[in-house]
Structures are given as C-alpha cells and as structure tokens.
Amino acid sequence: MRTSLIIGLTILVALLLSVMPMPSPIDQARPMWLAMVLAYWVMAMPHRVGLLTAWVAGLASDVLYGQLLGQHALVMTLVAWMVLLLHQRIRRFPIWQQSMVMLPVLGIAQMLLLWLNSLAGNRPPTLLFLLPVVVSALLWPWVFSVLRVVRRRFHLL
C-alpha cells in the first residue's frame, strides 16, 4: 500500500511539473517529466509499475493538457513497453549509458506524439519539437538519482 502511494505521489509530481507555467522560450524545451518518472519506476520495479500504470498516467496527462483523450496514454504506454523490454539490460548500465538509451526511447515517444498531433491537425512547424527529448536525456541522471533516493529512503520493494 505504501509503495503504491509513493509511486503515485512521484507520478503526480511529474504531472504537476509537466503543466507548471514556464517562460515561453524555455517552455519549448520542457522535459518529459512523466515519461522519465514512468521509465524509472518500470525499470526499478517492473512487478509493480507497468503498462496499466502508464496508461492511467497518460490519460491524466491528456486531461491536464486538454488534448485528444488517449494521445499521451498511448505514448506513455509505448515508453513503458520499451523500457519493460530492456529493463534488465538498462539497470546494469552506468547512468550515462542509461541516458543514451533514454534518448531514442523518448525520441520515439515524441515522434509518435508528433504523428498523433499532425493527425489531429496540430503539427508544430519546426524541429524544436524534439528539443524536450534532448533535455530529458540530459536530466535523466538527476531524475534517476532523486527517484533512487526516494526508493531507498522509503524501502520500496
């Protein structure tokens, strides 16, 4: 019960960080907080966090962003699925290599989001749409470290 509560709180914080107001130039590079938090929990605790958690968190993200229902749910489920496929390998990598693995995982997710946005008629005009992927990959070591401290502090198994 406590484990689910802590995981849920970290996902809630990621959702709040995703919609927190930011200045316009920085907003284009907003990290993919929810995808990173889900990727961490799927990698660290695949028996607790999986595709259903990613789907529900993605639906919450759709509601918060006010976008097409199911759009982020599909993307977050894809991220969780890719990390779930590779979690035993990724866990053994040094943190900088994990960051390099997260780059294509998040890039594929962002490209799927671009495709879904273009189907809905909301296509961004520039390649700045991929900037959050680079920022997220650069922030991965810090997100990983903070969530690992949370997991160890609360003895989550």
N, C-alpha and C. Protein backbone atom coordinates (compact mmCIF):
# COMPACT_ATOMS: atom_id res chain seq x y z
N MET A 1 0.82 -1.20 0.00
CA MET A 1 0.00 0.00 0.00
C MET A 1 0.87 1.26 0.00
N ARG A 2 1.87 1.28 0.88
CA ARG A 2 2.74 2.45 0.97
C ARG A 2 3.54 2.62 -0.31
N THR A 3 3.96 1.51 -0.91
CA THR A 3 4.72 1.57 -2.16
C THR A 3 3.89 2.22 -3.26
N SER A 4 2.65 1.81 -3.39
CA SER A 4 1.76 2.39 -4.40
C SER A 4 1.54 3.87 -4.16
N LEU A 5 1.44 4.26 -2.90
CA LEU A 5 1.24 5.68 -2.57
C LEU A 5 2.45 6.51 -2.97
N ILE A 6 3.65 6.04 -2.66
CA ILE A 6 4.87 6.78 -3.00
C ILE A 6 5.02 6.88 -4.51
N ILE A 7 4.79 5.78 -5.23
CA ILE A 7 4.88 5.81 -6.69
C ILE A 7 3.84 6.77 -7.26
N GLY A 8 2.62 6.71 -6.74
CA GLY A 8 1.57 7.62 -7.19
C GLY A 8 1.91 9.07 -6.94
N LEU A 9 2.53 9.36 -5.80
CA LEU A 9 2.93 10.74 -5.50
C LEU A 9 4.01 11.23 -6.45
N THR A 10 4.96 10.37 -6.80
CA THR A 10 6.00 10.80 -7.74
C THR A 10 5.42 11.03 -9.13
N ILE A 11 4.45 10.21 -9.51
CA ILE A 11 3.78 10.42 -10.80
C ILE A 11 2.98 11.72 -10.77
N LEU A 12 2.33 12.00 -9.64
CA LEU A 12 1.58 13.26 -9.50
C LEU A 12 2.51 14.46 -9.59
N VAL A 13 3.67 14.39 -8.96
CA VAL A 13 4.65 15.48 -9.05
C VAL A 13 5.10 15.66 -10.50
N ALA A 14 5.33 14.55 -11.21
CA ALA A 14 5.71 14.64 -12.62
C ALA A 14 4.61 15.29 -13.46
N LEU A 15 3.37 14.95 -13.16
CA LEU A 15 2.24 15.59 -13.88
C LEU A 15 2.19 17.09 -13.59
N LEU A 16 2.41 17.46 -12.34
CA LEU A 16 2.40 18.88 -11.99
C LEU A 16 3.55 19.62 -12.63
N LEU A 17 4.73 19.01 -12.67
CA LEU A 17 5.87 19.64 -13.34
C LEU A 17 5.61 19.79 -14.84
N SER A 18 4.82 18.89 -15.40
CA SER A 18 4.52 18.94 -16.83
C SER A 18 3.63 20.10 -17.22
N VAL A 19 2.81 20.57 -16.29
CA VAL A 19 1.89 21.66 -16.61
C VAL A 19 2.25 22.96 -15.90
N MET A 20 3.34 22.96 -15.15
CA MET A 20 3.77 24.16 -14.44
C MET A 20 4.09 25.27 -15.45
N PRO A 21 3.61 26.49 -15.22
CA PRO A 21 3.89 27.58 -16.16
C PRO A 21 5.39 27.89 -16.23
N MET A 22 5.86 28.11 -17.45
CA MET A 22 7.26 28.45 -17.69
C MET A 22 7.31 29.56 -18.73
N PRO A 23 8.41 30.33 -18.75
CA PRO A 23 8.55 31.35 -19.80
C PRO A 23 8.53 30.70 -21.19
N SER A 24 8.07 31.45 -22.15
CA SER A 24 7.85 30.92 -23.49
C SER A 24 9.08 30.27 -24.13
N PRO A 25 10.27 30.90 -24.10
CA PRO A 25 11.42 30.23 -24.75
C PRO A 25 11.80 28.92 -24.05
N ILE A 26 11.67 28.86 -22.75
CA ILE A 26 12.04 27.66 -22.01
C ILE A 26 10.95 26.59 -22.14
N ASP A 27 9.72 27.01 -22.35
CA ASP A 27 8.60 26.07 -22.43
C ASP A 27 8.76 25.09 -23.60
N GLN A 28 9.42 25.52 -24.67
CA GLN A 28 9.61 24.63 -25.82
C GLN A 28 10.56 23.48 -25.49
N ALA A 29 11.39 23.66 -24.46
CA ALA A 29 12.35 22.63 -24.07
C ALA A 29 11.92 21.92 -22.79
N ARG A 30 10.64 22.00 -22.45
CA ARG A 30 10.14 21.37 -21.22
C ARG A 30 10.45 19.88 -21.23
N PRO A 31 11.12 19.40 -20.18
CA PRO A 31 11.44 17.97 -20.13
C PRO A 31 10.19 17.10 -20.09
N MET A 32 10.36 15.88 -20.48
CA MET A 32 9.26 14.91 -20.49
C MET A 32 9.22 14.23 -19.11
N TRP A 33 8.76 14.98 -18.12
CA TRP A 33 8.81 14.53 -16.73
C TRP A 33 8.08 13.21 -16.51
N LEU A 34 6.87 13.13 -17.01
CA LEU A 34 6.06 11.93 -16.78
C LEU A 34 6.71 10.70 -17.42
N ALA A 35 7.21 10.86 -18.62
CA ALA A 35 7.86 9.73 -19.29
C ALA A 35 9.10 9.28 -18.53
N MET A 36 9.87 10.22 -18.00
CA MET A 36 11.08 9.85 -17.25
C MET A 36 10.73 9.15 -15.94
N VAL A 37 9.73 9.66 -15.23
CA VAL A 37 9.34 9.04 -13.96
C VAL A 37 8.78 7.64 -14.21
N LEU A 38 7.94 7.50 -15.21
CA LEU A 38 7.41 6.17 -15.54
C LEU A 38 8.53 5.22 -15.96
N ALA A 39 9.47 5.72 -16.75
CA ALA A 39 10.58 4.88 -17.18
C ALA A 39 11.39 4.40 -15.98
N TYR A 40 11.62 5.29 -15.02
CA TYR A 40 12.37 4.89 -13.84
C TYR A 40 11.64 3.79 -13.07
N TRP A 41 10.34 3.99 -12.79
CA TRP A 41 9.61 3.02 -11.98
C TRP A 41 9.44 1.69 -12.71
N VAL A 42 9.26 1.73 -14.03
CA VAL A 42 9.17 0.47 -14.79
C VAL A 42 10.50 -0.25 -14.74
N MET A 43 11.59 0.49 -14.83
CA MET A 43 12.91 -0.13 -14.79
C MET A 43 13.24 -0.66 -13.39
N ALA A 44 12.90 0.11 -12.36
CA ALA A 44 13.26 -0.26 -10.99
C ALA A 44 12.31 -1.30 -10.40
N MET A 45 11.04 -1.21 -10.71
CA MET A 45 10.04 -2.09 -10.11
C MET A 45 9.05 -2.59 -11.17
N PRO A 46 9.52 -3.41 -12.12
CA PRO A 46 8.62 -3.85 -13.19
C PRO A 46 7.46 -4.72 -12.70
N HIS A 47 7.57 -5.28 -11.51
CA HIS A 47 6.49 -6.09 -10.96
C HIS A 47 5.38 -5.21 -10.37
N ARG A 48 5.64 -3.93 -10.14
CA ARG A 48 4.65 -3.01 -9.57
C ARG A 48 4.10 -2.00 -10.58
N VAL A 49 4.98 -1.52 -11.44
CA VAL A 49 4.61 -0.46 -12.39
C VAL A 49 4.75 -1.02 -13.80
N GLY A 50 3.69 -0.91 -14.56
CA GLY A 50 3.72 -1.47 -15.91
C GLY A 50 2.87 -0.68 -16.87
N LEU A 51 2.31 -1.38 -17.81
CA LEU A 51 1.57 -0.74 -18.89
C LEU A 51 0.28 -0.08 -18.40
N LEU A 52 -0.40 -0.70 -17.45
CA LEU A 52 -1.64 -0.12 -16.94
C LEU A 52 -1.37 1.19 -16.21
N THR A 53 -0.33 1.23 -15.41
CA THR A 53 0.04 2.47 -14.73
C THR A 53 0.37 3.55 -15.74
N ALA A 54 1.12 3.19 -16.77
CA ALA A 54 1.48 4.16 -17.81
C ALA A 54 0.24 4.66 -18.54
N TRP A 55 -0.70 3.78 -18.80
CA TRP A 55 -1.93 4.17 -19.49
C TRP A 55 -2.74 5.16 -18.64
N VAL A 56 -2.90 4.86 -17.37
CA VAL A 56 -3.67 5.74 -16.48
C VAL A 56 -2.97 7.10 -16.33
N ALA A 57 -1.64 7.08 -16.16
CA ALA A 57 -0.90 8.34 -16.04
C ALA A 57 -1.00 9.14 -17.34
N GLY A 58 -0.96 8.46 -18.47
CA GLY A 58 -1.12 9.13 -19.75
C GLY A 58 -2.50 9.75 -19.92
N LEU A 59 -3.54 9.05 -19.46
CA LEU A 59 -4.89 9.63 -19.51
C LEU A 59 -4.98 10.87 -18.63
N ALA A 60 -4.35 10.82 -17.46
CA ALA A 60 -4.32 12.00 -16.60
C ALA A 60 -3.60 13.15 -17.29
N SER A 61 -2.55 12.84 -18.00
CA SER A 61 -1.81 13.86 -18.75
C SER A 61 -2.68 14.45 -19.87
N ASP A 62 -3.44 13.61 -20.54
CA ASP A 62 -4.35 14.11 -21.58
C ASP A 62 -5.36 15.08 -21.00
N VAL A 63 -5.90 14.74 -19.84
CA VAL A 63 -6.88 15.62 -19.20
C VAL A 63 -6.23 16.93 -18.78
N LEU A 64 -5.03 16.87 -18.22
CA LEU A 64 -4.34 18.09 -17.79
C LEU A 64 -3.99 18.99 -18.96
N TYR A 65 -3.53 18.40 -20.07
CA TYR A 65 -3.17 19.19 -21.24
C TYR A 65 -4.38 19.62 -22.06
N GLY A 66 -5.50 18.96 -21.86
CA GLY A 66 -6.70 19.27 -22.62
C GLY A 66 -6.57 18.84 -24.07
N GLN A 67 -5.86 17.76 -24.31
CA GLN A 67 -5.67 17.28 -25.67
C GLN A 67 -6.54 16.06 -25.92
N LEU A 68 -6.40 15.52 -27.11
CA LEU A 68 -7.15 14.36 -27.54
C LEU A 68 -7.00 13.23 -26.52
N LEU A 69 -8.11 12.72 -26.00
CA LEU A 69 -8.07 11.69 -24.96
C LEU A 69 -7.46 10.40 -25.51
N GLY A 70 -6.42 9.93 -24.85
CA GLY A 70 -5.75 8.72 -25.24
C GLY A 70 -4.43 8.95 -25.95
N GLN A 71 -4.17 10.19 -26.33
CA GLN A 71 -2.95 10.51 -27.07
C GLN A 71 -1.71 10.27 -26.20
N HIS A 72 -1.64 10.91 -25.06
CA HIS A 72 -0.50 10.71 -24.17
C HIS A 72 -0.55 9.33 -23.52
N ALA A 73 -1.74 8.79 -23.36
CA ALA A 73 -1.86 7.44 -22.80
C ALA A 73 -1.15 6.44 -23.70
N LEU A 74 -1.34 6.56 -25.00
CA LEU A 74 -0.66 5.68 -25.95
C LEU A 74 0.86 5.88 -25.89
N VAL A 75 1.29 7.13 -25.83
CA VAL A 75 2.72 7.43 -25.82
C VAL A 75 3.37 6.92 -24.53
N MET A 76 2.73 7.13 -23.38
CA MET A 76 3.29 6.66 -22.12
C MET A 76 3.31 5.13 -22.05
N THR A 77 2.30 4.49 -22.63
CA THR A 77 2.29 3.03 -22.68
C THR A 77 3.43 2.52 -23.56
N LEU A 78 3.71 3.21 -24.65
CA LEU A 78 4.82 2.84 -25.51
C LEU A 78 6.15 2.99 -24.78
N VAL A 79 6.33 4.08 -24.03
CA VAL A 79 7.56 4.27 -23.26
C VAL A 79 7.71 3.15 -22.24
N ALA A 80 6.64 2.85 -21.52
CA ALA A 80 6.70 1.78 -20.51
C ALA A 80 7.01 0.44 -21.16
N TRP A 81 6.44 0.18 -22.32
CA TRP A 81 6.68 -1.09 -23.00
C TRP A 81 8.13 -1.21 -23.45
N MET A 82 8.70 -0.13 -24.02
CA MET A 82 10.09 -0.17 -24.47
C MET A 82 11.04 -0.36 -23.28
N VAL A 83 10.78 0.34 -22.19
CA VAL A 83 11.64 0.19 -21.02
C VAL A 83 11.46 -1.20 -20.41
N LEU A 84 10.24 -1.69 -20.41
CA LEU A 84 9.98 -3.03 -19.87
C LEU A 84 10.73 -4.10 -20.67
N LEU A 85 10.81 -3.92 -21.97
CA LEU A 85 11.56 -4.87 -22.80
C LEU A 85 13.05 -4.87 -22.46
N LEU A 86 13.58 -3.71 -22.11
CA LEU A 86 15.02 -3.57 -21.92
C LEU A 86 15.44 -3.39 -20.47
N HIS A 87 14.51 -3.49 -19.52
CA HIS A 87 14.83 -3.09 -18.15
C HIS A 87 15.98 -3.88 -17.52
N GLN A 88 16.11 -5.15 -17.83
CA GLN A 88 17.20 -5.93 -17.22
C GLN A 88 18.56 -5.50 -17.75
N ARG A 89 18.62 -5.06 -18.97
CA ARG A 89 19.88 -4.56 -19.52
C ARG A 89 20.16 -3.14 -19.02
N ILE A 90 19.15 -2.29 -19.08
CA ILE A 90 19.34 -0.88 -18.72
C ILE A 90 19.80 -0.75 -17.27
N ARG A 91 19.28 -1.58 -16.39
CA ARG A 91 19.62 -1.47 -14.97
C ARG A 91 21.10 -1.68 -14.71
N ARG A 92 21.77 -2.42 -15.57
CA ARG A 92 23.19 -2.71 -15.39
C ARG A 92 24.10 -1.65 -16.02
N PHE A 93 23.54 -0.79 -16.83
CA PHE A 93 24.35 0.23 -17.49
C PHE A 93 24.75 1.31 -16.51
N PRO A 94 25.91 1.93 -16.74
CA PRO A 94 26.22 3.16 -15.98
C PRO A 94 25.18 4.23 -16.32
N ILE A 95 25.07 5.21 -15.47
CA ILE A 95 23.99 6.20 -15.62
C ILE A 95 24.09 6.98 -16.93
N TRP A 96 25.31 7.24 -17.41
CA TRP A 96 25.43 7.98 -18.67
C TRP A 96 24.96 7.12 -19.85
N GLN A 97 25.16 5.81 -19.78
CA GLN A 97 24.66 4.94 -20.84
C GLN A 97 23.13 4.81 -20.76
N GLN A 98 22.59 4.82 -19.54
CA GLN A 98 21.14 4.83 -19.40
C GLN A 98 20.56 6.06 -20.07
N SER A 99 21.25 7.18 -19.91
CA SER A 99 20.81 8.42 -20.53
C SER A 99 20.81 8.30 -22.05
N MET A 100 21.82 7.62 -22.58
CA MET A 100 21.89 7.40 -24.03
C MET A 100 20.79 6.46 -24.51
N VAL A 101 20.38 5.51 -23.68
CA VAL A 101 19.27 4.62 -24.04
C VAL A 101 17.95 5.38 -23.98
N MET A 102 17.84 6.29 -23.02
CA MET A 102 16.60 7.05 -22.89
C MET A 102 16.40 8.00 -24.07
N LEU A 103 17.49 8.42 -24.69
CA LEU A 103 17.39 9.34 -25.84
C LEU A 103 16.53 8.75 -26.96
N PRO A 104 16.80 7.55 -27.48
CA PRO A 104 15.90 7.02 -28.53
C PRO A 104 14.53 6.61 -28.01
N VAL A 105 14.45 6.15 -26.76
CA VAL A 105 13.13 5.78 -26.22
C VAL A 105 12.22 7.00 -26.18
N LEU A 106 12.73 8.09 -25.63
CA LEU A 106 11.94 9.32 -25.56
C LEU A 106 11.76 9.94 -26.94
N GLY A 107 12.76 9.78 -27.80
CA GLY A 107 12.64 10.29 -29.17
C GLY A 107 11.53 9.60 -29.95
N ILE A 108 11.44 8.29 -29.81
CA ILE A 108 10.36 7.55 -30.48
C ILE A 108 9.01 8.00 -29.93
N ALA A 109 8.94 8.19 -28.61
CA ALA A 109 7.69 8.66 -28.00
C ALA A 109 7.31 10.04 -28.52
N GLN A 110 8.28 10.92 -28.63
CA GLN A 110 8.00 12.28 -29.10
C GLN A 110 7.60 12.27 -30.58
N MET A 111 8.20 11.40 -31.37
CA MET A 111 7.82 11.31 -32.78
C MET A 111 6.40 10.75 -32.93
N LEU A 112 6.04 9.80 -32.08
CA LEU A 112 4.66 9.29 -32.09
C LEU A 112 3.69 10.41 -31.71
N LEU A 113 4.08 11.21 -30.73
CA LEU A 113 3.24 12.35 -30.33
C LEU A 113 3.11 13.35 -31.48
N LEU A 114 4.19 13.59 -32.20
CA LEU A 114 4.16 14.47 -33.37
C LEU A 114 3.20 13.92 -34.43
N TRP A 115 3.27 12.61 -34.66
CA TRP A 115 2.40 12.00 -35.65
C TRP A 115 0.93 12.10 -35.23
N LEU A 116 0.66 11.84 -33.95
CA LEU A 116 -0.72 11.94 -33.47
C LEU A 116 -1.22 13.38 -33.52
N ASN A 117 -0.35 14.34 -33.21
CA ASN A 117 -0.73 15.75 -33.30
C ASN A 117 -1.01 16.15 -34.74
N SER A 118 -0.21 15.65 -35.67
CA SER A 118 -0.44 16.01 -37.07
C SER A 118 -1.73 15.38 -37.61
N LEU A 119 -2.08 14.19 -37.10
CA LEU A 119 -3.36 13.60 -37.48
C LEU A 119 -4.53 14.43 -36.96
N ALA A 120 -4.34 15.06 -35.81
CA ALA A 120 -5.39 15.91 -35.23
C ALA A 120 -5.35 17.33 -35.80
N GLY A 121 -4.35 17.63 -36.64
CA GLY A 121 -4.27 18.94 -37.26
C GLY A 121 -3.46 19.95 -36.46
N ASN A 122 -2.66 19.52 -35.51
CA ASN A 122 -1.87 20.42 -34.67
C ASN A 122 -0.38 20.14 -34.83
N ARG A 123 0.14 20.29 -36.01
CA ARG A 123 1.54 19.95 -36.26
C ARG A 123 2.44 21.16 -35.97
N PRO A 124 3.47 20.97 -35.14
CA PRO A 124 4.40 22.08 -34.90
C PRO A 124 5.24 22.37 -36.15
N PRO A 125 5.58 23.63 -36.38
CA PRO A 125 6.24 24.00 -37.63
C PRO A 125 7.75 23.72 -37.67
N THR A 126 8.39 23.47 -36.54
CA THR A 126 9.85 23.33 -36.54
C THR A 126 10.30 22.04 -35.85
N LEU A 127 11.59 21.78 -35.94
CA LEU A 127 12.17 20.62 -35.28
C LEU A 127 12.39 20.86 -33.79
N LEU A 128 12.01 22.03 -33.30
CA LEU A 128 12.11 22.29 -31.86
C LEU A 128 11.23 21.35 -31.06
N PHE A 129 10.36 20.63 -31.76
CA PHE A 129 9.50 19.65 -31.11
C PHE A 129 10.33 18.53 -30.49
N LEU A 130 11.55 18.32 -30.99
CA LEU A 130 12.43 17.27 -30.47
C LEU A 130 13.34 17.75 -29.35
N LEU A 131 13.33 19.04 -29.06
CA LEU A 131 14.19 19.59 -28.01
C LEU A 131 13.91 18.98 -26.63
N PRO A 132 12.65 18.71 -26.24
CA PRO A 132 12.42 18.07 -24.94
C PRO A 132 13.09 16.70 -24.79
N VAL A 133 13.30 16.01 -25.89
CA VAL A 133 13.96 14.69 -25.83
C VAL A 133 15.40 14.87 -25.37
N VAL A 134 16.10 15.83 -25.95
CA VAL A 134 17.50 16.07 -25.59
C VAL A 134 17.60 16.56 -24.14
N VAL A 135 16.72 17.47 -23.76
CA VAL A 135 16.73 17.99 -22.39
C VAL A 135 16.43 16.87 -21.40
N SER A 136 15.48 16.02 -21.72
CA SER A 136 15.13 14.90 -20.84
C SER A 136 16.28 13.92 -20.70
N ALA A 137 16.95 13.63 -21.80
CA ALA A 137 18.09 12.71 -21.73
C ALA A 137 19.21 13.31 -20.88
N LEU A 138 19.39 14.62 -20.97
CA LEU A 138 20.42 15.27 -20.15
C LEU A 138 20.03 15.30 -18.67
N LEU A 139 18.72 15.38 -18.39
CA LEU A 139 18.25 15.41 -17.00
C LEU A 139 18.08 14.01 -16.40
N TRP A 140 18.15 12.97 -17.23
CA TRP A 140 17.93 11.62 -16.75
C TRP A 140 18.79 11.25 -15.54
N PRO A 141 20.10 11.55 -15.51
CA PRO A 141 20.89 11.17 -14.34
C PRO A 141 20.36 11.76 -13.03
N TRP A 142 19.88 13.00 -13.07
CA TRP A 142 19.36 13.63 -11.86
C TRP A 142 18.01 13.04 -11.47
N VAL A 143 17.14 12.82 -12.44
CA VAL A 143 15.84 12.21 -12.15
C VAL A 143 16.04 10.81 -11.58
N PHE A 144 16.93 10.05 -12.20
CA PHE A 144 17.24 8.70 -11.73
C PHE A 144 17.76 8.73 -10.29
N SER A 145 18.67 9.64 -10.02
CA SER A 145 19.27 9.72 -8.68
C SER A 145 18.25 10.11 -7.63
N VAL A 146 17.40 11.09 -7.93
CA VAL A 146 16.39 11.53 -6.96
C VAL A 146 15.39 10.41 -6.69
N LEU A 147 14.92 9.75 -7.72
CA LEU A 147 13.95 8.67 -7.52
C LEU A 147 14.57 7.45 -6.84
N ARG A 148 15.85 7.21 -7.07
CA ARG A 148 16.52 6.12 -6.37
C ARG A 148 16.64 6.44 -4.88
N VAL A 149 16.92 7.70 -4.55
CA VAL A 149 16.96 8.11 -3.14
C VAL A 149 15.59 7.93 -2.50
N VAL A 150 14.52 8.32 -3.21
CA VAL A 150 13.16 8.13 -2.70
C VAL A 150 12.88 6.65 -2.48
N ARG A 151 13.25 5.82 -3.45
CA ARG A 151 13.00 4.38 -3.32
C ARG A 151 13.75 3.78 -2.14
N ARG A 152 14.98 4.18 -1.97
CA ARG A 152 15.77 3.64 -0.85
C ARG A 152 15.33 4.23 0.49
N ARG A 153 14.97 5.48 0.51
CA ARG A 153 14.54 6.14 1.77
C ARG A 153 13.29 5.49 2.33
N PHE A 154 12.35 5.14 1.46
CA PHE A 154 11.09 4.55 1.90
C PHE A 154 11.10 3.02 1.81
N HIS A 155 12.25 2.45 1.50
CA HIS A 155 12.42 0.99 1.45
C HIS A 155 11.37 0.33 0.54
N LEU A 156 11.24 0.85 -0.66
CA LEU A 156 10.24 0.31 -1.59
C LEU A 156 10.81 -0.93 -2.26
N LEU A 157 10.02 -1.99 -2.24
CA LEU A 157 10.44 -3.26 -2.83
C LEU A 157 9.55 -3.65 -3.98
